[in-house]
Amino acid sequence: MDLFDKRVFQEVKRSGRASGWIIKNNGEIV
């Protein structure tokens, strides 16, 4: 839960489809 709280999300726009979200800091979570 603490690691989940450290996630930073970024919205990703996709052409022709609904936008989605990615974890921008995945791999860099301290």
PDB file of all heavy atoms in Angstrom:
ATOM      1  N   MET A   1       0.831  -1.208   0.000  1.00  0.00           N
ATOM      2  CA  MET A   1       0.000   0.000   0.000  1.00  0.00           C
ATOM      3  C   MET A   1       0.871   1.267   0.000  1.00  0.00           C
ATOM      4  O   MET A   1       0.581   2.238  -0.684  1.00  0.00           O
ATOM      5  CB  MET A   1      -0.941   0.033   1.216  1.00  0.00           C
ATOM      6  CG  MET A   1      -2.019  -1.043   1.213  1.00  0.00           C
ATOM      7  SD  MET A   1      -3.088  -0.960  -0.239  1.00  0.00           S
ATOM      8  CE  MET A   1      -2.553  -2.390  -1.140  1.00  0.00           C
ATOM      9  N   ASP A   2       1.969   1.230   0.767  1.00  0.00           N
ATOM     10  CA  ASP A   2       2.889   2.371   0.772  1.00  0.00           C
ATOM     11  C   ASP A   2       3.531   2.558  -0.600  1.00  0.00           C
ATOM     12  O   ASP A   2       3.682   3.691  -1.073  1.00  0.00           O
ATOM     13  CB  ASP A   2       3.982   2.182   1.829  1.00  0.00           C
ATOM     14  CG  ASP A   2       3.463   2.327   3.249  1.00  0.00           C
ATOM     15  OD1 ASP A   2       2.362   2.895   3.434  1.00  0.00           O
ATOM     16  OD2 ASP A   2       4.158   1.866   4.179  1.00  0.00           O
ATOM     17  N   LEU A   3       3.894   1.463  -1.259  1.00  0.00           N
ATOM     18  CA  LEU A   3       4.470   1.557  -2.606  1.00  0.00           C
ATOM     19  C   LEU A   3       3.437   2.091  -3.602  1.00  0.00           C
ATOM     20  O   LEU A   3       3.769   2.907  -4.471  1.00  0.00           O
ATOM     21  CB  LEU A   3       4.995   0.191  -3.052  1.00  0.00           C
ATOM     22  CG  LEU A   3       6.279  -0.268  -2.365  1.00  0.00           C
ATOM     23  CD1 LEU A   3       6.490  -1.757  -2.563  1.00  0.00           C
ATOM     24  CD2 LEU A   3       7.470   0.513  -2.877  1.00  0.00           C
ATOM     25  N   PHE A   4       2.192   1.635  -3.481  1.00  0.00           N
ATOM     26  CA  PHE A   4       1.128   2.146  -4.349  1.00  0.00           C
ATOM     27  C   PHE A   4       0.943   3.648  -4.150  1.00  0.00           C
ATOM     28  O   PHE A   4       0.676   4.380  -5.094  1.00  0.00           O
ATOM     29  CB  PHE A   4      -0.193   1.431  -4.079  1.00  0.00           C
ATOM     30  CG  PHE A   4      -0.302   0.066  -4.703  1.00  0.00           C
ATOM     31  CD1 PHE A   4      -1.370  -0.746  -4.403  1.00  0.00           C
ATOM     32  CD2 PHE A   4       0.647  -0.417  -5.589  1.00  0.00           C
ATOM     33  CE1 PHE A   4      -1.507  -2.001  -4.978  1.00  0.00           C
ATOM     34  CE2 PHE A   4       0.539  -1.668  -6.166  1.00  0.00           C
ATOM     35  CZ  PHE A   4      -0.544  -2.461  -5.855  1.00  0.00           C
ATOM     36  N   ASP A   5       1.076   4.094  -2.921  1.00  0.00           N
ATOM     37  CA  ASP A   5       0.919   5.526  -2.630  1.00  0.00           C
ATOM     38  C   ASP A   5       2.026   6.360  -3.262  1.00  0.00           C
ATOM     39  O   ASP A   5       1.862   7.556  -3.475  1.00  0.00           O
ATOM     40  CB  ASP A   5       0.896   5.743  -1.112  1.00  0.00           C
ATOM     41  CG  ASP A   5       0.534   7.166  -0.744  1.00  0.00           C
ATOM     42  OD1 ASP A   5      -0.419   7.711  -1.343  1.00  0.00           O
ATOM     43  OD2 ASP A   5       1.209   7.737   0.134  1.00  0.00           O
ATOM     44  N   LYS A   6       3.142   5.748  -3.593  1.00  0.00           N
ATOM     45  CA  LYS A   6       4.272   6.463  -4.172  1.00  0.00           C
ATOM     46  C   LYS A   6       4.186   6.557  -5.704  1.00  0.00           C
ATOM     47  O   LYS A   6       5.012   7.198  -6.334  1.00  0.00           O
ATOM     48  CB  LYS A   6       5.583   5.782  -3.769  1.00  0.00           C
ATOM     49  CG  LYS A   6       5.867   5.910  -2.281  1.00  0.00           C
ATOM     50  CD  LYS A   6       7.121   5.157  -1.923  1.00  0.00           C
ATOM     51  CE  LYS A   6       7.515   5.456  -0.510  1.00  0.00           C
ATOM     52  NZ  LYS A   6       7.965   6.828  -0.308  1.00  0.00           N
ATOM     53  N   ARG A   7       3.193   5.896  -6.289  1.00  0.00           N
ATOM     54  CA  ARG A   7       3.051   5.943  -7.745  1.00  0.00           C
ATOM     55  C   ARG A   7       2.652   7.336  -8.205  1.00  0.00           C
ATOM     56  O   ARG A   7       1.876   8.024  -7.551  1.00  0.00           O
ATOM     57  CB  ARG A   7       1.988   4.955  -8.227  1.00  0.00           C
ATOM     58  CG  ARG A   7       2.320   3.516  -7.954  1.00  0.00           C
ATOM     59  CD  ARG A   7       1.214   2.594  -8.384  1.00  0.00           C
ATOM     60  NE  ARG A   7      -0.009   2.858  -7.620  1.00  0.00           N
ATOM     61  CZ  ARG A   7      -1.121   2.146  -7.708  1.00  0.00           C
ATOM     62  NH1 ARG A   7      -1.197   1.127  -8.538  1.00  0.00           N
ATOM     63  NH2 ARG A   7      -2.170   2.437  -6.976  1.00  0.00           N
ATOM     64  N   VAL A   8       3.180   7.720  -9.363  1.00  0.00           N
ATOM     65  CA  VAL A   8       2.785   8.961 -10.020  1.00  0.00           C
ATOM     66  C   VAL A   8       2.227   8.551 -11.379  1.00  0.00           C
ATOM     67  O   VAL A   8       2.926   7.924 -12.178  1.00  0.00           O
ATOM     68  CB  VAL A   8       3.982   9.926 -10.197  1.00  0.00           C
ATOM     69  CG1 VAL A   8       3.564  11.148 -10.979  1.00  0.00           C
ATOM     70  CG2 VAL A   8       4.561  10.309  -8.840  1.00  0.00           C
ATOM     71  N   PHE A   9       0.957   8.893 -11.623  1.00  0.00           N
ATOM     72  CA  PHE A   9       0.298   8.502 -12.863  1.00  0.00           C
ATOM     73  C   PHE A   9       0.376   9.606 -13.905  1.00  0.00           C
ATOM     74  O   PHE A   9       0.381  10.787 -13.576  1.00  0.00           O
ATOM     75  CB  PHE A   9      -1.180   8.179 -12.599  1.00  0.00           C
ATOM     76  CG  PHE A   9      -1.377   6.887 -11.856  1.00  0.00           C
ATOM     77  CD1 PHE A   9      -1.572   6.882 -10.487  1.00  0.00           C
ATOM     78  CD2 PHE A   9      -1.364   5.685 -12.532  1.00  0.00           C
ATOM     79  CE1 PHE A   9      -1.754   5.696  -9.798  1.00  0.00           C
ATOM     80  CE2 PHE A   9      -1.539   4.487 -11.860  1.00  0.00           C
ATOM     81  CZ  PHE A   9      -1.735   4.495 -10.493  1.00  0.00           C
ATOM     82  N   GLN A  10       0.422   9.170 -15.167  1.00  0.00           N
ATOM     83  CA  GLN A  10       0.400  10.104 -16.280  1.00  0.00           C
ATOM     84  C   GLN A  10      -0.625   9.610 -17.291  1.00  0.00           C
ATOM     85  O   GLN A  10      -0.646   8.421 -17.641  1.00  0.00           O
ATOM     86  CB  GLN A  10       1.776  10.209 -16.932  1.00  0.00           C
ATOM     87  CG  GLN A  10       1.810  11.188 -18.076  1.00  0.00           C
ATOM     88  CD  GLN A  10       3.219  11.377 -18.605  1.00  0.00           C
ATOM     89  OE1 GLN A  10       4.150  10.698 -18.205  1.00  0.00           O
ATOM     90  NE2 GLN A  10       3.366  12.308 -19.520  1.00  0.00           N
ATOM     91  N   GLU A  11      -1.461  10.527 -17.737  1.00  0.00           N
ATOM     92  CA  GLU A  11      -2.469  10.166 -18.730  1.00  0.00           C
ATOM     93  C   GLU A  11      -1.806  10.048 -20.101  1.00  0.00           C
ATOM     94  O   GLU A  11      -0.982  10.883 -20.481  1.00  0.00           O
ATOM     95  CB  GLU A  11      -3.580  11.218 -18.779  1.00  0.00           C
ATOM     96  CG  GLU A  11      -4.745  10.807 -19.637  1.00  0.00           C
ATOM     97  CD  GLU A  11      -5.923  11.754 -19.529  1.00  0.00           C
ATOM     98  OE1 GLU A  11      -5.775  12.847 -18.963  1.00  0.00           O
ATOM     99  OE2 GLU A  11      -6.998  11.383 -20.019  1.00  0.00           O
ATOM    100  N   VAL A  12      -2.168   8.981 -20.816  1.00  0.00           N
ATOM    101  CA  VAL A  12      -1.611   8.738 -22.144  1.00  0.00           C
ATOM    102  C   VAL A  12      -2.752   8.816 -23.144  1.00  0.00           C
ATOM    103  O   VAL A  12      -3.733   8.083 -23.032  1.00  0.00           O
ATOM    104  CB  VAL A  12      -0.938   7.347 -22.212  1.00  0.00           C
ATOM    105  CG1 VAL A  12      -0.386   7.080 -23.597  1.00  0.00           C
ATOM    106  CG2 VAL A  12       0.151   7.230 -21.172  1.00  0.00           C
ATOM    107  N   LYS A  13      -2.619   9.716 -24.101  1.00  0.00           N
ATOM    108  CA  LYS A  13      -3.638   9.866 -25.144  1.00  0.00           C
ATOM    109  C   LYS A  13      -3.309   8.905 -26.279  1.00  0.00           C
ATOM    110  O   LYS A  13      -2.185   8.811 -26.724  1.00  0.00           O
ATOM    111  CB  LYS A  13      -3.650  11.297 -25.659  1.00  0.00           C
ATOM    112  CG  LYS A  13      -3.823  12.322 -24.563  1.00  0.00           C
ATOM    113  CD  LYS A  13      -5.009  13.170 -24.825  1.00  0.00           C
ATOM    114  CE  LYS A  13      -5.032  14.292 -23.798  1.00  0.00           C
ATOM    115  NZ  LYS A  13      -6.131  14.307 -22.949  1.00  0.00           N
ATOM    116  N   ARG A  14      -4.335   8.182 -26.710  1.00  0.00           N
ATOM    117  CA  ARG A  14      -4.160   7.204 -27.794  1.00  0.00           C
ATOM    118  C   ARG A  14      -5.072   7.588 -28.934  1.00  0.00           C
ATOM    119  O   ARG A  14      -6.258   7.817 -28.727  1.00  0.00           O
ATOM    120  CB  ARG A  14      -4.500   5.807 -27.300  1.00  0.00           C
ATOM    121  CG  ARG A  14      -3.619   5.373 -26.160  1.00  0.00           C
ATOM    122  CD  ARG A  14      -4.061   4.028 -25.644  1.00  0.00           C
ATOM    123  NE  ARG A  14      -3.238   3.636 -24.520  1.00  0.00           N
ATOM    124  CZ  ARG A  14      -3.651   2.891 -23.523  1.00  0.00           C
ATOM    125  NH1 ARG A  14      -4.880   2.447 -23.487  1.00  0.00           N
ATOM    126  NH2 ARG A  14      -2.831   2.580 -22.554  1.00  0.00           N
ATOM    127  N   SER A  15      -4.547   7.618 -30.123  1.00  0.00           N
ATOM    128  CA  SER A  15      -5.361   8.015 -31.273  1.00  0.00           C
ATOM    129  C   SER A  15      -6.411   6.952 -31.573  1.00  0.00           C
ATOM    130  O   SER A  15      -6.109   5.761 -31.638  1.00  0.00           O
ATOM    131  CB  SER A  15      -4.480   8.239 -32.501  1.00  0.00           C
ATOM    132  OG  SER A  15      -3.803   7.067 -32.829  1.00  0.00           O
ATOM    133  N   GLY A  16      -7.638   7.379 -31.688  1.00  0.00           N
ATOM    134  CA  GLY A  16      -8.729   6.478 -32.028  1.00  0.00           C
ATOM    135  C   GLY A  16      -9.239   5.633 -30.871  1.00  0.00           C
ATOM    136  O   GLY A  16     -10.181   4.876 -31.038  1.00  0.00           O
ATOM    137  N   ARG A  17      -8.615   5.723 -29.720  1.00  0.00           N
ATOM    138  CA  ARG A  17      -9.059   4.941 -28.564  1.00  0.00           C
ATOM    139  C   ARG A  17      -9.137   5.858 -27.353  1.00  0.00           C
ATOM    140  O   ARG A  17      -8.633   6.972 -27.351  1.00  0.00           O
ATOM    141  CB  ARG A  17      -8.068   3.808 -28.253  1.00  0.00           C
ATOM    142  CG  ARG A  17      -8.020   2.741 -29.319  1.00  0.00           C
ATOM    143  CD  ARG A  17      -7.240   1.542 -28.872  1.00  0.00           C
ATOM    144  NE  ARG A  17      -5.817   1.862 -28.774  1.00  0.00           N
ATOM    145  CZ  ARG A  17      -4.911   1.069 -28.266  1.00  0.00           C
ATOM    146  NH1 ARG A  17      -5.268  -0.102 -27.786  1.00  0.00           N
ATOM    147  NH2 ARG A  17      -3.651   1.411 -28.214  1.00  0.00           N
ATOM    148  N   ALA A  18      -9.757   5.321 -26.321  1.00  0.00           N
ATOM    149  CA  ALA A  18      -9.847   6.083 -25.070  1.00  0.00           C
ATOM    150  C   ALA A  18      -8.447   6.237 -24.473  1.00  0.00           C
ATOM    151  O   ALA A  18      -7.584   5.382 -24.642  1.00  0.00           O
ATOM    152  CB  ALA A  18     -10.768   5.367 -24.084  1.00  0.00           C
ATOM    153  N   SER A  19      -8.255   7.346 -23.792  1.00  0.00           N
ATOM    154  CA  SER A  19      -6.952   7.554 -23.158  1.00  0.00           C
ATOM    155  C   SER A  19      -6.801   6.599 -21.982  1.00  0.00           C
ATOM    156  O   SER A  19      -7.764   6.057 -21.455  1.00  0.00           O
ATOM    157  CB  SER A  19      -6.805   9.004 -22.696  1.00  0.00           C
ATOM    158  OG  SER A  19      -7.778   9.309 -21.736  1.00  0.00           O
ATOM    159  N   GLY A  20      -5.566   6.383 -21.573  1.00  0.00           N
ATOM    160  CA  GLY A  20      -5.284   5.497 -20.459  1.00  0.00           C
ATOM    161  C   GLY A  20      -4.288   6.145 -19.517  1.00  0.00           C
ATOM    162  O   GLY A  20      -3.899   7.305 -19.698  1.00  0.00           O
ATOM    163  N   TRP A  21      -3.873   5.396 -18.534  1.00  0.00           N
ATOM    164  CA  TRP A  21      -2.946   5.906 -17.533  1.00  0.00           C
ATOM    165  C   TRP A  21      -1.758   4.965 -17.406  1.00  0.00           C
ATOM    166  O   TRP A  21      -1.914   3.747 -17.493  1.00  0.00           O
ATOM    167  CB  TRP A  21      -3.637   6.039 -16.176  1.00  0.00           C
ATOM    168  CG  TRP A  21      -4.709   7.076 -16.175  1.00  0.00           C
ATOM    169  CD1 TRP A  21      -6.016   6.916 -16.543  1.00  0.00           C
ATOM    170  CD2 TRP A  21      -4.566   8.440 -15.813  1.00  0.00           C
ATOM    171  NE1 TRP A  21      -6.699   8.095 -16.421  1.00  0.00           N
ATOM    172  CE2 TRP A  21      -5.827   9.057 -15.965  1.00  0.00           C
ATOM    173  CE3 TRP A  21      -3.506   9.217 -15.367  1.00  0.00           C
ATOM    174  CZ2 TRP A  21      -6.037  10.402 -15.700  1.00  0.00           C
ATOM    175  CZ3 TRP A  21      -3.724  10.559 -15.092  1.00  0.00           C
ATOM    176  CH2 TRP A  21      -4.983  11.142 -15.263  1.00  0.00           C
ATOM    177  N   ILE A  22      -0.585   5.528 -17.191  1.00  0.00           N
ATOM    178  CA  ILE A  22       0.614   4.745 -16.923  1.00  0.00           C
ATOM    179  C   ILE A  22       1.245   5.249 -15.622  1.00  0.00           C
ATOM    180  O   ILE A  22       0.994   6.378 -15.201  1.00  0.00           O
ATOM    181  CB  ILE A  22       1.653   4.819 -18.065  1.00  0.00           C
ATOM    182  CG1 ILE A  22       2.138   6.266 -18.260  1.00  0.00           C
ATOM    183  CG2 ILE A  22       1.116   4.226 -19.342  1.00  0.00           C
ATOM    184  CD1 ILE A  22       3.371   6.395 -19.122  1.00  0.00           C
ATOM    185  N   ILE A  23       2.050   4.388 -15.008  1.00  0.00           N
ATOM    186  CA  ILE A  23       2.800   4.809 -13.822  1.00  0.00           C
ATOM    187  C   ILE A  23       4.079   5.455 -14.334  1.00  0.00           C
ATOM    188  O   ILE A  23       4.962   4.777 -14.861  1.00  0.00           O
ATOM    189  CB  ILE A  23       3.114   3.620 -12.900  1.00  0.00           C
ATOM    190  CG1 ILE A  23       1.828   2.898 -12.494  1.00  0.00           C
ATOM    191  CG2 ILE A  23       3.888   4.088 -11.671  1.00  0.00           C
ATOM    192  CD1 ILE A  23       2.078   1.585 -11.765  1.00  0.00           C
ATOM    193  N   LYS A  24       4.156   6.764 -14.216  1.00  0.00           N
ATOM    194  CA  LYS A  24       5.287   7.512 -14.764  1.00  0.00           C
ATOM    195  C   LYS A  24       6.595   7.172 -14.053  1.00  0.00           C
ATOM    196  O   LYS A  24       7.648   7.137 -14.663  1.00  0.00           O
ATOM    197  CB  LYS A  24       5.019   9.012 -14.663  1.00  0.00           C
ATOM    198  CG  LYS A  24       6.100   9.842 -15.298  1.00  0.00           C
ATOM    199  CD  LYS A  24       5.818  11.308 -15.235  1.00  0.00           C
ATOM    200  CE  LYS A  24       6.964  12.050 -15.903  1.00  0.00           C
ATOM    201  NZ  LYS A  24       6.832  13.459 -15.773  1.00  0.00           N
ATOM    202  N   ASN A  25       6.541   6.915 -12.756  1.00  0.00           N
ATOM    203  CA  ASN A  25       7.775   6.684 -11.998  1.00  0.00           C
ATOM    204  C   ASN A  25       8.044   5.197 -11.727  1.00  0.00           C
ATOM    205  O   ASN A  25       8.841   4.872 -10.852  1.00  0.00           O
ATOM    206  CB  ASN A  25       7.748   7.461 -10.681  1.00  0.00           C
ATOM    207  CG  ASN A  25       6.645   7.022  -9.740  1.00  0.00           C
ATOM    208  OD1 ASN A  25       5.631   6.465 -10.156  1.00  0.00           O
ATOM    209  ND2 ASN A  25       6.838   7.274  -8.455  1.00  0.00           N
ATOM    210  N   ASN A  26       7.399   4.307 -12.483  1.00  0.00           N
ATOM    211  CA  ASN A  26       7.639   2.877 -12.269  1.00  0.00           C
ATOM    212  C   ASN A  26       9.092   2.556 -12.598  1.00  0.00           C
ATOM    213  O   ASN A  26       9.607   2.965 -13.623  1.00  0.00           O
ATOM    214  CB  ASN A  26       6.703   2.022 -13.114  1.00  0.00           C
ATOM    215  CG  ASN A  26       6.435   0.681 -12.475  1.00  0.00           C
ATOM    216  OD1 ASN A  26       6.830   0.425 -11.341  1.00  0.00           O
ATOM    217  ND2 ASN A  26       5.755  -0.185 -13.207  1.00  0.00           N
ATOM    218  N   GLY A  27       9.746   1.850 -11.704  1.00  0.00           N
ATOM    219  CA  GLY A  27      11.164   1.563 -11.840  1.00  0.00           C
ATOM    220  C   GLY A  27      12.026   2.565 -11.100  1.00  0.00           C
ATOM    221  O   GLY A  27      13.210   2.351 -10.897  1.00  0.00           O
ATOM    222  N   GLU A  28      11.420   3.675 -10.689  1.00  0.00           N
ATOM    223  CA  GLU A  28      12.135   4.722  -9.961  1.00  0.00           C
ATOM    224  C   GLU A  28      11.509   4.975  -8.586  1.00  0.00           C
ATOM    225  O   GLU A  28      11.791   5.984  -7.948  1.00  0.00           O
ATOM    226  CB  GLU A  28      12.123   6.019 -10.765  1.00  0.00           C
ATOM    227  CG  GLU A  28      12.795   5.896 -12.113  1.00  0.00           C
ATOM    228  CD  GLU A  28      12.566   7.105 -12.994  1.00  0.00           C
ATOM    229  OE1 GLU A  28      11.920   8.069 -12.558  1.00  0.00           O
ATOM    230  OE2 GLU A  28      13.038   7.075 -14.146  1.00  0.00           O
ATOM    231  N   ILE A  29      10.654   4.059  -8.140  1.00  0.00           N
ATOM    232  CA  ILE A  29       9.983   4.222  -6.847  1.00  0.00           C
ATOM    233  C   ILE A  29      10.987   3.919  -5.743  1.00  0.00           C
ATOM    234  O   ILE A  29      11.621   2.875  -5.734  1.00  0.00           O
ATOM    235  CB  ILE A  29       8.746   3.305  -6.744  1.00  0.00           C
ATOM    236  CG1 ILE A  29       7.723   3.687  -7.826  1.00  0.00           C
ATOM    237  CG2 ILE A  29       8.135   3.375  -5.354  1.00  0.00           C
ATOM    238  CD1 ILE A  29       6.558   2.733  -7.959  1.00  0.00           C
ATOM    239  N   VAL A  30      11.124   4.858  -4.820  1.00  0.00           N
ATOM    240  CA  VAL A  30      12.087   4.734  -3.722  1.00  0.00           C
ATOM    241  C   VAL A  30      11.313   4.590  -2.421  1.00  0.00           C
ATOM    242  O   VAL A  30      10.416   5.378  -2.128  1.00  0.00           O
ATOM    243  CB  VAL A  30      12.998   5.980  -3.657  1.00  0.00           C
ATOM    244  CG1 VAL A  30      13.912   5.927  -2.445  1.00  0.00           C
ATOM    245  CG2 VAL A  30      13.797   6.118  -4.935  1.00  0.00           C
TER     246      VAL A  30
END
